């Protein structure tokens, strides 16, 4: 039984842990790129986006430890308060693992509607920790990266599923 918003199930090969590791390192490196001007506000948190993706699609292979370590690496790289990204990524990982079955059942548009509040909440956690430490509010443009990350969700999903799709059998007619 499938509703109008449900996608047909696709049989995928198991994802290799090395592939997950490479994508997370690439996301970390993308976060470390120097963006300037208005582009700095539109760039999503790639690590948060990948942590959410892998927690939704492979909750048994990536979890709290990976989210925490990536958060600590982001804190060190950003020069920010130690633990703010780690806390935000752990909460995001929990939400992704808790909602993984629900999100996977939806087509892409409802998935985006699930991703937006999760990424916004991650930004709010980081801002709350910074506010408790005495930092100023950066402005509402700070949240544009969450919407840009949600806009990247469909191509990211398609791209990360490519290695998992089985190759067509040349002998099959």
N, C-alpha and C. Protein backbone atom coordinates (compact mmCIF):
# COMPACT_ATOMS: atom_id res chain seq x y z
N UNK A 1 0.84 -1.16 0.00
CA UNK A 1 0.00 0.00 0.00
C UNK A 1 0.90 1.23 0.00
N UNK A 2 0.69 2.09 -0.97
CA UNK A 2 1.49 3.29 -1.03
C UNK A 2 0.59 4.49 -1.30
N UNK A 3 0.86 5.56 -0.58
CA UNK A 3 0.10 6.78 -0.74
C UNK A 3 0.67 7.63 -1.85
N UNK A 4 0.05 8.76 -2.13
CA UNK A 4 0.54 9.60 -3.22
C UNK A 4 1.91 10.20 -2.96
N UNK A 5 2.30 10.33 -1.69
CA UNK A 5 3.59 10.96 -1.40
C UNK A 5 4.70 9.94 -1.18
N UNK A 6 4.37 8.67 -1.27
CA UNK A 6 5.39 7.66 -1.01
C UNK A 6 6.12 7.30 -2.29
N UNK A 7 7.41 7.08 -2.16
CA UNK A 7 8.22 6.69 -3.31
C UNK A 7 8.33 5.18 -3.35
N UNK A 8 8.49 4.61 -4.55
CA UNK A 8 8.68 3.16 -4.60
C UNK A 8 10.02 2.79 -3.98
N UNK A 9 10.05 1.63 -3.36
CA UNK A 9 11.28 1.18 -2.71
C UNK A 9 12.32 0.83 -3.76
N UNK A 10 13.52 1.25 -3.52
CA UNK A 10 14.63 1.00 -4.42
C UNK A 10 15.61 0.09 -3.71
N UNK A 11 15.99 -1.00 -4.34
CA UNK A 11 16.97 -1.91 -3.74
C UNK A 11 18.37 -1.37 -4.00
N UNK A 12 19.07 -1.10 -2.93
CA UNK A 12 20.41 -0.55 -3.02
C UNK A 12 21.41 -1.51 -2.41
N UNK A 13 22.64 -1.44 -2.89
CA UNK A 13 23.72 -2.21 -2.30
C UNK A 13 24.09 -1.59 -0.96
N UNK A 14 24.70 -2.36 -0.06
CA UNK A 14 25.13 -1.77 1.21
C UNK A 14 26.20 -0.70 0.97
N UNK A 15 26.14 0.33 1.74
CA UNK A 15 27.13 1.40 1.62
C UNK A 15 28.39 0.98 2.36
N UNK A 16 29.52 1.33 1.78
CA UNK A 16 30.80 0.98 2.40
C UNK A 16 31.16 2.04 3.44
N UNK A 17 31.67 1.61 4.57
CA UNK A 17 32.07 2.57 5.60
C UNK A 17 33.12 3.56 5.11
N UNK A 18 33.99 3.13 4.22
CA UNK A 18 34.99 4.03 3.66
C UNK A 18 34.36 5.17 2.87
N UNK A 19 33.27 4.87 2.17
CA UNK A 19 32.56 5.90 1.42
C UNK A 19 31.95 6.93 2.36
N UNK A 20 31.37 6.46 3.45
CA UNK A 20 30.80 7.38 4.45
C UNK A 20 31.91 8.28 5.00
N UNK A 21 33.05 7.68 5.33
CA UNK A 21 34.17 8.44 5.86
C UNK A 21 34.64 9.51 4.87
N UNK A 22 34.78 9.13 3.60
CA UNK A 22 35.24 10.07 2.58
C UNK A 22 34.25 11.23 2.42
N UNK A 23 32.95 10.94 2.44
CA UNK A 23 31.97 12.01 2.29
C UNK A 23 31.99 12.95 3.48
N UNK A 24 32.19 12.41 4.67
CA UNK A 24 32.24 13.27 5.86
C UNK A 24 33.50 14.14 5.88
N UNK A 25 34.62 13.59 5.43
CA UNK A 25 35.85 14.39 5.34
C UNK A 25 35.68 15.47 4.28
N UNK A 26 35.05 15.13 3.14
CA UNK A 26 34.78 16.14 2.11
C UNK A 26 33.87 17.24 2.64
N UNK A 27 32.89 16.88 3.43
CA UNK A 27 32.00 17.89 4.02
C UNK A 27 32.76 18.78 4.99
N UNK A 28 33.64 18.18 5.77
CA UNK A 28 34.45 18.96 6.70
C UNK A 28 35.34 19.94 5.94
N UNK A 29 35.95 19.48 4.86
CA UNK A 29 36.79 20.36 4.05
C UNK A 29 35.97 21.45 3.37
N UNK A 30 34.75 21.13 2.95
CA UNK A 30 33.87 22.15 2.35
C UNK A 30 33.49 23.22 3.37
N UNK A 31 33.30 22.81 4.62
CA UNK A 31 33.02 23.79 5.67
C UNK A 31 34.21 24.70 5.94
N UNK A 32 35.41 24.21 5.67
CA UNK A 32 36.61 24.99 5.96
C UNK A 32 36.96 25.97 4.84
N UNK A 33 36.26 25.89 3.71
CA UNK A 33 36.52 26.84 2.63
C UNK A 33 36.19 28.25 3.09
N UNK A 34 36.91 29.19 2.57
CA UNK A 34 36.71 30.59 2.96
C UNK A 34 35.69 31.22 2.01
N UNK A 35 34.53 31.51 2.52
CA UNK A 35 33.48 32.16 1.75
C UNK A 35 33.41 33.61 2.19
N UNK A 36 33.18 34.50 1.25
CA UNK A 36 33.13 35.92 1.62
C UNK A 36 31.90 36.58 1.02
N UNK A 37 31.57 37.72 1.57
CA UNK A 37 30.43 38.49 1.06
C UNK A 37 29.11 37.81 1.36
N UNK A 38 28.19 37.98 0.46
CA UNK A 38 26.85 37.41 0.64
C UNK A 38 26.85 35.89 0.52
N UNK A 39 27.86 35.34 -0.15
CA UNK A 39 27.93 33.87 -0.28
C UNK A 39 28.16 33.21 1.09
N UNK A 40 28.81 33.92 1.99
CA UNK A 40 29.08 33.36 3.31
C UNK A 40 27.77 33.06 4.04
N UNK A 41 26.72 33.81 3.77
CA UNK A 41 25.43 33.59 4.43
C UNK A 41 24.64 32.46 3.78
N UNK A 42 24.91 32.19 2.50
CA UNK A 42 24.14 31.17 1.78
C UNK A 42 24.74 29.77 1.86
N UNK A 43 25.96 29.66 2.32
CA UNK A 43 26.63 28.36 2.37
C UNK A 43 26.08 27.57 3.56
N UNK A 44 25.60 26.36 3.29
CA UNK A 44 25.08 25.55 4.40
C UNK A 44 26.21 24.93 5.21
N UNK A 45 25.85 24.39 6.34
CA UNK A 45 26.78 23.62 7.16
C UNK A 45 26.82 22.22 6.55
N UNK A 46 27.83 21.97 5.73
CA UNK A 46 27.91 20.71 5.00
C UNK A 46 28.06 19.52 5.93
N UNK A 47 28.76 19.69 7.03
CA UNK A 47 28.92 18.58 7.97
C UNK A 47 27.58 18.23 8.59
N UNK A 48 26.81 19.23 8.99
CA UNK A 48 25.48 18.96 9.55
C UNK A 48 24.60 18.26 8.52
N UNK A 49 24.68 18.71 7.29
CA UNK A 49 23.87 18.11 6.22
C UNK A 49 24.24 16.64 6.00
N UNK A 50 25.54 16.34 6.01
CA UNK A 50 25.97 14.95 5.80
C UNK A 50 25.71 14.09 7.02
N UNK A 51 25.87 14.64 8.21
CA UNK A 51 25.54 13.88 9.42
C UNK A 51 24.06 13.52 9.40
N UNK A 52 23.22 14.48 9.04
CA UNK A 52 21.79 14.21 8.97
C UNK A 52 21.48 13.17 7.90
N UNK A 53 22.10 13.30 6.73
CA UNK A 53 21.86 12.34 5.64
C UNK A 53 22.23 10.92 6.08
N UNK A 54 23.42 10.75 6.63
CA UNK A 54 23.85 9.41 6.99
C UNK A 54 23.08 8.86 8.19
N UNK A 55 22.66 9.72 9.10
CA UNK A 55 21.85 9.24 10.24
C UNK A 55 20.46 8.83 9.78
N UNK A 56 19.97 9.43 8.72
CA UNK A 56 18.66 9.03 8.18
C UNK A 56 18.80 7.77 7.34
N UNK A 57 19.81 7.70 6.50
CA UNK A 57 19.92 6.58 5.56
C UNK A 57 20.74 5.40 6.07
N UNK A 58 21.64 5.62 6.98
CA UNK A 58 22.46 4.54 7.54
C UNK A 58 22.62 4.74 9.05
N UNK A 59 21.54 4.66 9.82
CA UNK A 59 21.65 4.96 11.25
C UNK A 59 22.49 3.96 12.04
N UNK A 60 22.74 2.80 11.49
CA UNK A 60 23.56 1.82 12.21
C UNK A 60 25.05 1.98 11.94
N UNK A 61 25.38 2.76 10.92
CA UNK A 61 26.79 2.91 10.56
C UNK A 61 27.39 4.23 11.01
N UNK A 62 26.57 5.19 11.31
CA UNK A 62 27.06 6.47 11.81
C UNK A 62 26.14 6.90 12.94
N UNK A 63 26.71 7.48 13.95
CA UNK A 63 25.87 7.83 15.08
C UNK A 63 26.45 8.96 15.90
N UNK A 64 26.26 8.85 17.21
CA UNK A 64 26.62 9.93 18.11
C UNK A 64 28.12 10.18 18.18
N UNK A 65 28.90 9.13 18.17
CA UNK A 65 30.35 9.31 18.27
C UNK A 65 30.89 10.08 17.07
N UNK A 66 30.47 9.69 15.88
CA UNK A 66 30.93 10.39 14.68
C UNK A 66 30.44 11.84 14.68
N UNK A 67 29.18 12.06 15.08
CA UNK A 67 28.65 13.42 15.12
C UNK A 67 29.42 14.27 16.14
N UNK A 68 29.72 13.69 17.28
CA UNK A 68 30.44 14.41 18.33
C UNK A 68 31.86 14.75 17.87
N UNK A 69 32.56 13.78 17.29
CA UNK A 69 33.93 14.02 16.83
C UNK A 69 33.97 15.06 15.72
N UNK A 70 33.03 14.97 14.78
CA UNK A 70 32.97 15.97 13.71
C UNK A 70 32.66 17.35 14.28
N UNK A 71 31.79 17.40 15.29
CA UNK A 71 31.48 18.67 15.93
C UNK A 71 32.70 19.27 16.62
N UNK A 72 33.47 18.42 17.29
CA UNK A 72 34.69 18.92 17.94
C UNK A 72 35.70 19.42 16.90
N UNK A 73 35.81 18.71 15.78
CA UNK A 73 36.70 19.15 14.71
C UNK A 73 36.25 20.49 14.14
N UNK A 74 34.94 20.68 13.99
CA UNK A 74 34.42 21.95 13.50
C UNK A 74 34.68 23.07 14.51
N UNK A 75 34.55 22.76 15.79
CA UNK A 75 34.82 23.77 16.82
C UNK A 75 36.29 24.20 16.77
N UNK A 76 37.18 23.24 16.61
CA UNK A 76 38.61 23.55 16.53
C UNK A 76 38.90 24.35 15.26
N UNK A 77 38.34 23.93 14.14
CA UNK A 77 38.60 24.60 12.87
C UNK A 77 38.00 26.00 12.84
N UNK A 78 36.82 26.16 13.44
CA UNK A 78 36.14 27.45 13.48
C UNK A 78 36.74 28.39 14.51
N UNK A 79 37.42 27.83 15.48
CA UNK A 79 37.92 28.65 16.57
C UNK A 79 36.78 29.12 17.47
N UNK A 80 35.72 28.33 17.49
CA UNK A 80 34.55 28.71 18.28
C UNK A 80 34.60 28.04 19.65
N UNK A 81 33.60 28.31 20.44
CA UNK A 81 33.51 27.75 21.77
C UNK A 81 33.53 26.22 21.67
N UNK A 82 34.41 25.60 22.42
CA UNK A 82 34.61 24.16 22.32
C UNK A 82 33.35 23.41 22.76
N UNK A 83 32.75 22.68 21.84
CA UNK A 83 31.59 21.85 22.14
C UNK A 83 30.29 22.34 21.55
N UNK A 84 30.26 23.56 20.98
CA UNK A 84 28.98 24.06 20.48
C UNK A 84 28.51 23.28 19.25
N UNK A 85 29.40 23.02 18.31
CA UNK A 85 29.00 22.22 17.15
C UNK A 85 28.80 20.76 17.55
N UNK A 86 29.61 20.28 18.48
CA UNK A 86 29.48 18.90 18.93
C UNK A 86 28.09 18.66 19.52
N UNK A 87 27.63 19.56 20.36
CA UNK A 87 26.29 19.44 20.94
C UNK A 87 25.22 19.52 19.85
N UNK A 88 25.36 20.46 18.94
CA UNK A 88 24.36 20.62 17.88
C UNK A 88 24.31 19.38 16.98
N UNK A 89 25.48 18.82 16.65
CA UNK A 89 25.51 17.65 15.77
C UNK A 89 24.97 16.40 16.46
N UNK A 90 25.20 16.28 17.76
CA UNK A 90 24.65 15.13 18.48
C UNK A 90 23.13 15.20 18.51
N UNK A 91 22.58 16.38 18.75
CA UNK A 91 21.12 16.54 18.74
C UNK A 91 20.58 16.27 17.34
N UNK A 92 21.28 16.74 16.32
CA UNK A 92 20.87 16.48 14.94
C UNK A 92 20.93 14.99 14.62
N UNK A 93 21.98 14.31 15.08
CA UNK A 93 22.10 12.87 14.85
C UNK A 93 20.95 12.12 15.52
N UNK A 94 20.61 12.53 16.74
CA UNK A 94 19.49 11.90 17.44
C UNK A 94 18.19 12.09 16.66
N UNK A 95 17.95 13.30 16.20
CA UNK A 95 16.73 13.57 15.44
C UNK A 95 16.72 12.77 14.13
N UNK A 96 17.86 12.70 13.46
CA UNK A 96 17.93 11.93 12.22
C UNK A 96 17.67 10.45 12.43
N UNK A 97 18.24 9.90 13.51
CA UNK A 97 18.02 8.48 13.80
C UNK A 97 16.59 8.22 14.25
N UNK A 98 16.02 9.16 14.99
CA UNK A 98 14.64 8.98 15.46
C UNK A 98 13.64 9.07 14.32
N UNK A 99 13.94 9.88 13.31
CA UNK A 99 13.00 10.09 12.20
C UNK A 99 13.38 9.34 10.93
N UNK A 100 14.39 8.48 10.98
CA UNK A 100 14.91 7.91 9.74
C UNK A 100 13.87 7.10 8.97
N UNK A 101 13.06 6.34 9.62
CA UNK A 101 12.05 5.55 8.89
C UNK A 101 10.97 6.44 8.30
N UNK A 102 10.59 7.45 9.05
CA UNK A 102 9.54 8.36 8.58
C UNK A 102 10.01 9.14 7.35
N UNK A 103 11.20 9.71 7.43
CA UNK A 103 11.70 10.55 6.34
C UNK A 103 11.90 9.73 5.07
N UNK A 104 12.41 8.52 5.20
CA UNK A 104 12.67 7.70 4.01
C UNK A 104 11.40 7.30 3.27
N UNK A 105 10.29 7.29 3.92
CA UNK A 105 9.03 6.90 3.28
C UNK A 105 8.47 7.98 2.38
N UNK A 106 8.89 9.22 2.59
CA UNK A 106 8.34 10.33 1.83
C UNK A 106 9.10 10.55 0.53
N UNK A 107 8.42 11.21 -0.40
CA UNK A 107 9.11 11.65 -1.61
C UNK A 107 9.99 12.83 -1.26
N UNK A 108 10.63 13.41 -2.23
CA UNK A 108 11.66 14.41 -1.95
C UNK A 108 11.10 15.69 -1.33
N UNK A 109 9.98 16.20 -1.80
CA UNK A 109 9.45 17.47 -1.25
C UNK A 109 9.12 17.36 0.24
N UNK A 110 8.41 16.32 0.69
CA UNK A 110 8.20 16.21 2.14
C UNK A 110 9.49 15.94 2.92
N UNK A 111 10.46 15.30 2.29
CA UNK A 111 11.74 15.11 2.98
C UNK A 111 12.39 16.47 3.25
N UNK A 112 12.32 17.36 2.27
CA UNK A 112 12.88 18.69 2.44
C UNK A 112 12.18 19.41 3.58
N UNK A 113 10.87 19.22 3.69
CA UNK A 113 10.12 19.85 4.78
C UNK A 113 10.49 19.29 6.14
N UNK A 114 11.07 18.10 6.18
CA UNK A 114 11.59 17.55 7.44
C UNK A 114 13.01 18.07 7.71
N UNK A 115 13.77 18.25 6.64
CA UNK A 115 15.18 18.65 6.78
C UNK A 115 15.30 20.11 7.24
N UNK A 116 14.44 20.98 6.73
CA UNK A 116 14.53 22.41 7.07
C UNK A 116 14.48 22.65 8.58
N UNK A 117 13.45 22.14 9.30
CA UNK A 117 13.44 22.41 10.74
C UNK A 117 14.60 21.78 11.49
N UNK A 118 15.08 20.63 11.02
CA UNK A 118 16.21 20.00 11.70
C UNK A 118 17.48 20.84 11.56
N UNK A 119 17.72 21.36 10.36
CA UNK A 119 18.90 22.21 10.16
C UNK A 119 18.73 23.55 10.88
N UNK A 120 17.52 24.09 10.88
CA UNK A 120 17.27 25.33 11.62
C UNK A 120 17.48 25.13 13.12
N UNK A 121 17.03 24.00 13.63
CA UNK A 121 17.22 23.72 15.05
C UNK A 121 18.69 23.59 15.39
N UNK A 122 19.47 22.99 14.49
CA UNK A 122 20.91 22.89 14.70
C UNK A 122 21.54 24.27 14.79
N UNK A 123 21.13 25.17 13.88
CA UNK A 123 21.63 26.54 13.93
C UNK A 123 21.21 27.23 15.22
N UNK A 124 20.00 26.96 15.68
CA UNK A 124 19.52 27.57 16.92
C UNK A 124 20.32 27.08 18.13
N UNK A 125 20.70 25.81 18.14
CA UNK A 125 21.50 25.29 19.25
C UNK A 125 22.86 25.98 19.28
N UNK A 126 23.48 26.13 18.10
CA UNK A 126 24.78 26.81 18.04
C UNK A 126 24.63 28.26 18.51
N UNK A 127 23.57 28.94 18.07
CA UNK A 127 23.35 30.33 18.48
C UNK A 127 23.08 30.44 19.97
N UNK A 128 22.34 29.49 20.51
CA UNK A 128 22.04 29.52 21.94
C UNK A 128 23.31 29.37 22.77
N UNK A 129 24.17 28.45 22.37
CA UNK A 129 25.44 28.26 23.10
C UNK A 129 26.29 29.53 22.98
N UNK A 130 26.33 30.12 21.79
CA UNK A 130 27.09 31.36 21.61
C UNK A 130 26.50 32.50 22.44
N UNK A 131 25.16 32.57 22.50
CA UNK A 131 24.51 33.62 23.28
C UNK A 131 24.79 33.44 24.77
N UNK A 132 24.79 32.20 25.24
CA UNK A 132 25.11 31.95 26.65
C UNK A 132 26.55 32.31 26.97
N UNK A 133 27.41 32.26 25.95
CA UNK A 133 28.81 32.63 26.14
C UNK A 133 29.03 34.13 25.98
N UNK A 134 27.97 34.86 25.60
CA UNK A 134 28.07 36.32 25.50
C UNK A 134 28.23 36.88 24.11
N UNK A 135 28.07 36.07 23.07
CA UNK A 135 28.22 36.57 21.71
C UNK A 135 26.97 37.33 21.28
N UNK A 136 27.13 38.20 20.32
CA UNK A 136 26.01 38.96 19.78
C UNK A 136 25.24 38.12 18.76
N UNK A 137 23.98 38.46 18.56
CA UNK A 137 23.15 37.79 17.55
C UNK A 137 23.63 38.22 16.17
N UNK A 138 23.95 37.25 15.28
CA UNK A 138 24.54 37.62 13.99
C UNK A 138 23.53 38.17 12.98
N UNK A 139 22.26 38.08 13.27
CA UNK A 139 21.24 38.54 12.32
C UNK A 139 20.51 37.35 11.72
N UNK A 140 19.36 37.65 11.14
CA UNK A 140 18.53 36.57 10.61
C UNK A 140 19.08 35.94 9.34
N UNK A 141 20.02 36.60 8.70
CA UNK A 141 20.65 36.01 7.51
C UNK A 141 21.44 34.76 7.86
N UNK A 142 21.75 34.60 9.14
CA UNK A 142 22.48 33.41 9.61
C UNK A 142 21.72 32.13 9.28
N UNK A 143 20.40 32.20 9.23
CA UNK A 143 19.57 31.02 9.00
C UNK A 143 19.40 30.68 7.52
N UNK A 144 19.91 31.50 6.63
CA UNK A 144 19.79 31.21 5.19
C UNK A 144 20.54 29.93 4.80
N UNK A 145 21.60 29.62 5.51
CA UNK A 145 22.36 28.41 5.22
C UNK A 145 21.53 27.14 5.42
N UNK A 146 20.59 27.17 6.37
CA UNK A 146 19.72 26.01 6.59
C UNK A 146 18.80 25.78 5.39
N UNK A 147 18.30 26.86 4.84
CA UNK A 147 17.44 26.74 3.66
C UNK A 147 18.24 26.32 2.44
N UNK A 148 19.48 26.81 2.33
CA UNK A 148 20.34 26.37 1.23
C UNK A 148 20.68 24.89 1.38
N UNK A 149 20.90 24.44 2.61
CA UNK A 149 21.16 23.01 2.84
C UNK A 149 19.97 22.15 2.47
N UNK A 150 18.77 22.62 2.78
CA UNK A 150 17.56 21.89 2.41
C UNK A 150 17.40 21.86 0.89
N UNK A 151 17.79 22.94 0.23
CA UNK A 151 17.72 22.96 -1.24
C UNK A 151 18.72 21.98 -1.86
N UNK A 152 19.80 21.72 -1.15
CA UNK A 152 20.81 20.76 -1.64
C UNK A 152 20.44 19.32 -1.33
N UNK A 153 19.40 19.10 -0.55
CA UNK A 153 19.04 17.74 -0.15
C UNK A 153 18.75 16.82 -1.35
N UNK A 154 17.94 17.23 -2.35
CA UNK A 154 17.69 16.31 -3.49
C UNK A 154 18.94 15.95 -4.28
N UNK A 155 19.78 16.92 -4.71
CA UNK A 155 20.98 16.48 -5.44
C UNK A 155 21.95 15.69 -4.58
N UNK A 156 22.02 16.02 -3.29
CA UNK A 156 22.89 15.28 -2.38
C UNK A 156 22.41 13.83 -2.26
N UNK A 157 21.12 13.64 -2.11
CA UNK A 157 20.56 12.29 -2.01
C UNK A 157 20.85 11.50 -3.27
N UNK A 158 20.63 12.12 -4.41
CA UNK A 158 20.90 11.42 -5.67
C UNK A 158 22.38 11.08 -5.81
N UNK A 159 23.24 12.01 -5.48
CA UNK A 159 24.68 11.81 -5.63
C UNK A 159 25.20 10.72 -4.69
N UNK A 160 24.73 10.72 -3.45
CA UNK A 160 25.25 9.76 -2.48
C UNK A 160 24.67 8.36 -2.66
N UNK A 161 23.58 8.24 -3.40
CA UNK A 161 23.03 6.91 -3.68
C UNK A 161 23.63 6.28 -4.94
N UNK A 162 24.34 7.05 -5.74
CA UNK A 162 24.91 6.50 -6.97
C UNK A 162 25.81 5.29 -6.74
N UNK A 163 26.75 5.32 -5.77
CA UNK A 163 27.60 4.14 -5.58
C UNK A 163 26.84 2.93 -5.04
N UNK A 164 25.65 3.15 -4.49
CA UNK A 164 24.88 2.05 -3.92
C UNK A 164 23.96 1.39 -4.95
N UNK A 165 23.75 2.04 -6.06
CA UNK A 165 22.86 1.46 -7.07
C UNK A 165 23.60 0.33 -7.78
N UNK A 166 22.93 -0.83 -7.92
CA UNK A 166 23.60 -1.94 -8.60
C UNK A 166 23.81 -1.63 -10.07
N UNK A 167 24.91 -2.14 -10.58
CA UNK A 167 25.19 -1.97 -12.01
C UNK A 167 24.26 -2.85 -12.82
N UNK A 168 23.82 -2.38 -13.96
CA UNK A 168 22.94 -3.22 -14.79
C UNK A 168 23.69 -4.46 -15.27
N UNK A 169 22.98 -5.57 -15.27
CA UNK A 169 23.56 -6.84 -15.72
C UNK A 169 23.60 -6.86 -17.23
N UNK A 170 24.78 -6.96 -17.84
CA UNK A 170 24.86 -6.95 -19.32
C UNK A 170 24.25 -8.21 -19.94
N UNK A 171 24.13 -9.31 -19.18
CA UNK A 171 23.57 -10.54 -19.72
C UNK A 171 22.06 -10.56 -19.67
N UNK A 172 21.49 -9.67 -18.92
CA UNK A 172 20.03 -9.66 -18.78
C UNK A 172 19.40 -8.94 -19.95
N UNK A 173 18.36 -9.53 -20.50
CA UNK A 173 17.69 -8.96 -21.69
C UNK A 173 16.52 -8.14 -21.27
